[in-house]
Amino acid sequence: MDKSLEDKVSAHLGDKVDGPMTKALAGRTFSYKYTSGIGYRVSFDEEKVYFRATIPGLKALVIGKTGKNIPKDKALTHVAGYIVCNDVSARDWQRDPGKAGLAPQWCFSKGFDKWLPVGPMLVSPSVVGNAGSLQLRTLVNGEIRQDASTDDLLFGVEEIVSFCSQGTTLEAGTLILTGTPSGVAMGMKPPRYLQNGDIVEVSISGLGSVRNKMVFE
């Protein structure tokens, strides 16, 4: 049985949400700078003290044809392919008022140098369609933290591309992350944040895997 939207958002956050807050959390979008790649190491600056770093595994898509106000039925014609990514996130810099400010934010906390490693290949929609029904798995030191189908995501590729292109030109080469299933450290009780030396591997069936070592420098 499919979980409701409220159940999916609650499972991801680790807290029960309902009503208008569900749609607000489920539909949020944000952008951040990208300075990583397929490299093995993900660096953490110890001076910034990342007490609460997490590793959501995600399916990302790359825009192949520039477009604006793209209808859902044309969305896949603008997608070059899909790639696996590790959306490293500093939850203290996202939610702690002493670091994030008075309102929670997602941009700065996800955009530190060498974060968001991706790889290992770009897989065309001609091979996997809209990349639904693929199995996403995230391991930390060999332990399964996330294990779910990409069909469990709140929004499909067509909806995401159409939504993000409203009034905004999506340039060829744009990387769009599609969201993550439950199992992130923030939603665990108690939370299990990353430690120095942890090995994180994110894999998606048909897309390959990206494996990184967390290094506190």
Protein backbone atom coordinates (compact mmCIF):
# COMPACT_ATOMS: atom_id res chain seq x y z
CA MET A 1 0.00 0.00 0.00
CA ASP A 2 1.33 3.44 -0.95
CA LYS A 3 2.07 5.72 1.97
CA SER A 4 0.25 9.03 2.08
CA LEU A 5 2.09 12.29 1.49
CA GLU A 6 1.95 13.02 5.23
CA ASP A 7 3.44 9.62 6.07
CA LYS A 8 6.30 10.08 3.61
CA VAL A 9 7.24 13.54 4.88
CA SER A 10 6.94 12.41 8.51
CA ALA A 11 9.17 9.38 7.88
CA HIS A 12 11.81 11.56 6.26
CA LEU A 13 11.91 14.13 9.06
CA GLY A 14 11.41 11.74 11.96
CA ASP A 15 8.50 13.83 13.27
CA LYS A 16 4.78 13.71 12.52
CA VAL A 17 3.59 16.52 10.25
CA ASP A 18 0.16 17.12 8.81
CA GLY A 19 -2.06 19.64 7.10
CA PRO A 20 -0.60 22.67 5.26
CA MET A 21 2.89 22.00 6.71
CA THR A 22 3.01 18.73 4.76
CA LYS A 23 2.73 20.46 1.39
CA ALA A 24 5.16 23.19 2.44
CA LEU A 25 7.85 20.67 3.42
CA ALA A 26 7.19 18.32 0.51
CA GLY A 27 7.30 21.05 -2.12
CA ARG A 28 10.33 23.06 -1.03
CA THR A 29 13.04 23.83 -3.58
CA PHE A 30 16.48 25.37 -3.10
CA SER A 31 19.77 25.86 -4.92
CA TYR A 32 23.43 25.81 -3.89
CA LYS A 33 26.87 26.02 -5.43
CA TYR A 34 28.59 22.87 -6.65
CA THR A 35 32.35 22.35 -6.23
CA SER A 36 32.72 18.58 -5.96
CA GLY A 37 32.81 15.83 -8.59
CA ILE A 38 33.41 12.09 -8.52
CA GLY A 39 36.36 12.32 -6.11
CA TYR A 40 36.84 9.84 -3.29
CA ARG A 41 37.15 12.27 -0.36
CA VAL A 42 34.48 14.54 1.08
CA SER A 43 36.19 17.13 3.27
CA PHE A 44 34.92 18.70 6.48
CA ASP A 45 36.57 21.79 7.95
CA GLU A 46 37.01 20.96 11.65
CA GLU A 47 37.10 24.66 12.55
CA LYS A 48 33.45 24.90 11.52
CA VAL A 49 32.56 21.96 13.80
CA TYR A 50 30.06 19.88 11.82
CA PHE A 51 28.34 18.16 14.72
CA ARG A 52 25.41 17.01 12.60
CA ALA A 53 26.48 15.98 9.12
CA THR A 54 24.21 13.60 7.20
CA ILE A 55 24.30 11.82 3.86
CA PRO A 56 20.99 11.68 1.98
CA GLY A 57 21.36 9.51 -1.12
CA LEU A 58 19.57 10.92 -4.14
CA LYS A 59 18.77 10.43 -7.79
CA ALA A 60 19.71 13.53 -9.76
CA LEU A 61 18.87 14.51 -13.31
CA VAL A 62 20.87 16.60 -15.77
CA ILE A 63 19.12 18.92 -18.20
CA GLY A 64 20.22 18.23 -21.78
CA LYS A 65 18.11 20.75 -23.70
CA THR A 66 17.55 24.32 -22.50
CA GLY A 67 13.91 25.11 -21.83
CA LYS A 68 11.40 27.28 -19.97
CA ASN A 69 7.81 26.63 -18.89
CA ILE A 70 8.21 22.99 -19.90
CA PRO A 71 4.96 20.95 -19.86
CA LYS A 72 5.02 17.60 -18.10
CA ASP A 73 4.48 15.64 -21.29
CA LYS A 74 7.63 17.20 -22.80
CA ALA A 75 9.80 17.04 -19.69
CA LEU A 76 11.80 13.93 -20.57
CA THR A 77 12.85 15.44 -23.92
CA HIS A 78 14.81 18.02 -21.88
CA VAL A 79 16.58 15.44 -19.70
CA ALA A 80 20.06 14.30 -20.78
CA GLY A 81 20.21 11.61 -18.12
CA TYR A 82 20.33 10.58 -14.48
CA ILE A 83 23.19 10.27 -12.03
CA VAL A 84 23.72 9.10 -8.43
CA CYS A 85 24.65 11.70 -5.82
CA ASN A 86 25.48 12.02 -2.13
CA ASP A 87 23.76 15.15 -0.83
CA VAL A 88 26.07 15.81 2.14
CA SER A 89 24.28 18.15 4.55
CA ALA A 90 25.33 19.98 7.71
CA ARG A 91 22.14 19.96 9.74
CA ASP A 92 23.49 22.34 12.39
CA TRP A 93 24.20 24.95 9.68
CA GLN A 94 20.71 24.25 8.36
CA ARG A 95 18.62 24.43 11.54
CA ASP A 96 20.66 25.76 14.50
CA PRO A 97 19.73 29.48 14.94
CA GLY A 98 23.29 30.16 16.10
CA LYS A 99 24.59 29.14 12.66
CA ALA A 100 21.66 29.15 10.25
CA GLY A 101 19.96 32.29 11.53
CA LEU A 102 16.40 32.65 12.74
CA ALA A 103 14.86 30.71 9.83
CA PRO A 104 16.00 27.23 8.73
CA GLN A 105 17.77 27.20 5.36
CA TRP A 106 19.00 24.52 2.97
CA CYS A 107 21.38 26.39 0.65
CA PHE A 108 24.48 27.26 2.70
CA SER A 109 24.34 24.01 4.73
CA LYS A 110 24.69 21.91 1.58
CA GLY A 111 27.18 23.97 -0.40
CA PHE A 112 30.52 23.65 1.39
CA ASP A 113 33.63 22.90 -0.70
CA LYS A 114 33.90 19.33 -2.05
CA TRP A 115 30.35 18.41 -1.06
CA LEU A 116 27.71 16.74 -3.27
CA PRO A 117 29.86 14.07 -4.92
CA VAL A 118 28.20 12.49 -7.99
CA GLY A 119 28.90 9.59 -10.28
CA PRO A 120 29.85 7.38 -11.86
CA MET A 121 27.95 7.83 -15.13
CA LEU A 122 25.06 9.60 -16.80
CA VAL A 123 22.27 7.25 -17.88
CA SER A 124 19.89 8.37 -20.63
CA PRO A 125 16.07 8.35 -20.40
CA SER A 126 16.21 6.13 -23.50
CA VAL A 127 17.59 3.45 -21.16
CA VAL A 128 15.63 4.00 -17.91
CA GLY A 129 12.71 6.23 -18.91
CA ASN A 130 11.78 8.54 -16.02
CA ALA A 131 14.00 6.48 -13.68
CA GLY A 132 11.07 5.23 -11.63
CA SER A 133 11.06 1.83 -9.90
CA LEU A 134 14.84 1.90 -9.37
CA GLN A 135 16.22 0.74 -6.02
CA LEU A 136 18.16 3.40 -4.07
CA ARG A 137 20.42 2.21 -1.28
CA THR A 138 22.73 4.18 1.03
CA LEU A 139 25.36 2.41 3.13
CA VAL A 140 27.50 3.85 5.93
CA ASN A 141 30.47 1.60 6.73
CA GLY A 142 28.56 -1.24 5.10
CA GLU A 143 25.39 -0.70 7.17
CA ILE A 144 22.18 -0.02 5.25
CA ARG A 145 20.76 3.40 6.11
CA GLN A 146 18.40 3.88 3.16
CA ASP A 147 16.78 1.22 1.00
CA ALA A 148 13.78 2.30 -1.07
CA SER A 149 12.39 2.53 -4.58
CA THR A 150 12.62 5.79 -6.51
CA ASP A 151 8.87 5.40 -6.99
CA ASP A 152 8.57 6.28 -3.30
CA LEU A 153 9.67 9.86 -4.01
CA LEU A 154 7.01 12.52 -3.55
CA PHE A 155 7.31 13.91 -7.08
CA GLY A 156 8.29 12.30 -10.39
CA VAL A 157 10.84 13.63 -12.86
CA GLU A 158 8.18 15.09 -15.16
CA GLU A 159 6.60 17.07 -12.30
CA ILE A 160 9.97 18.33 -11.05
CA VAL A 161 11.20 19.54 -14.45
CA SER A 162 7.89 21.22 -15.22
CA PHE A 163 7.73 22.90 -11.80
CA CYS A 164 11.34 24.13 -11.78
CA SER A 165 11.03 25.59 -15.29
CA GLN A 166 8.10 27.85 -14.40
CA GLY A 167 9.26 31.34 -15.33
CA THR A 168 12.86 30.13 -15.15
CA THR A 169 15.08 28.95 -17.97
CA LEU A 170 16.71 25.61 -17.22
CA GLU A 171 20.03 25.69 -19.03
CA ALA A 172 21.56 22.57 -20.54
CA GLY A 173 23.90 21.12 -17.93
CA THR A 174 21.72 22.08 -14.96
CA LEU A 175 21.84 19.45 -12.19
CA ILE A 176 18.53 18.89 -10.36
CA LEU A 177 18.28 16.70 -7.26
CA THR A 178 14.99 14.88 -6.93
CA GLY A 179 14.73 14.16 -3.20
CA THR A 180 15.62 11.35 -0.82
CA PRO A 181 13.69 8.54 0.92
CA SER A 182 13.51 8.04 4.68
CA GLY A 183 16.61 6.90 6.55
CA VAL A 184 18.63 10.11 6.83
CA ALA A 185 20.38 10.55 10.18
CA MET A 186 18.27 13.55 11.17
CA GLY A 187 15.13 11.39 11.13
CA MET A 188 16.58 8.61 13.30
CA LYS A 189 15.90 8.34 17.00
CA PRO A 190 18.49 9.09 18.22
CA PRO A 191 20.08 10.76 15.16
CA ARG A 192 23.21 9.04 13.83
CA TYR A 193 25.42 11.68 12.25
CA LEU A 194 28.57 11.08 10.23
CA GLN A 195 31.93 10.59 11.90
CA ASN A 196 35.46 11.18 10.65
CA GLY A 197 36.55 8.31 8.41
CA ASP A 198 33.05 7.00 7.65
CA ILE A 199 32.67 5.39 4.22
CA VAL A 200 29.42 6.29 2.48
CA GLU A 201 28.19 4.52 -0.63
CA VAL A 202 25.05 5.52 -2.52
CA SER A 203 23.83 3.18 -5.25
CA ILE A 204 20.83 3.16 -7.57
CA SER A 205 20.01 0.13 -9.69
CA GLY A 206 20.77 0.86 -13.33
CA LEU A 207 22.69 4.05 -12.50
CA GLY A 208 25.71 2.72 -10.60
CA SER A 209 27.13 3.93 -7.29
CA VAL A 210 29.26 6.70 -5.77
CA ARG A 211 31.50 5.90 -2.79
CA ASN A 212 33.16 8.51 -0.57
CA LYS A 213 35.20 8.77 2.61
CA MET A 214 34.26 11.49 5.07
CA VAL A 215 37.45 13.34 6.08
CA PHE A 216 37.58 15.94 8.85
CA GLU A 217 40.49 18.22 7.89
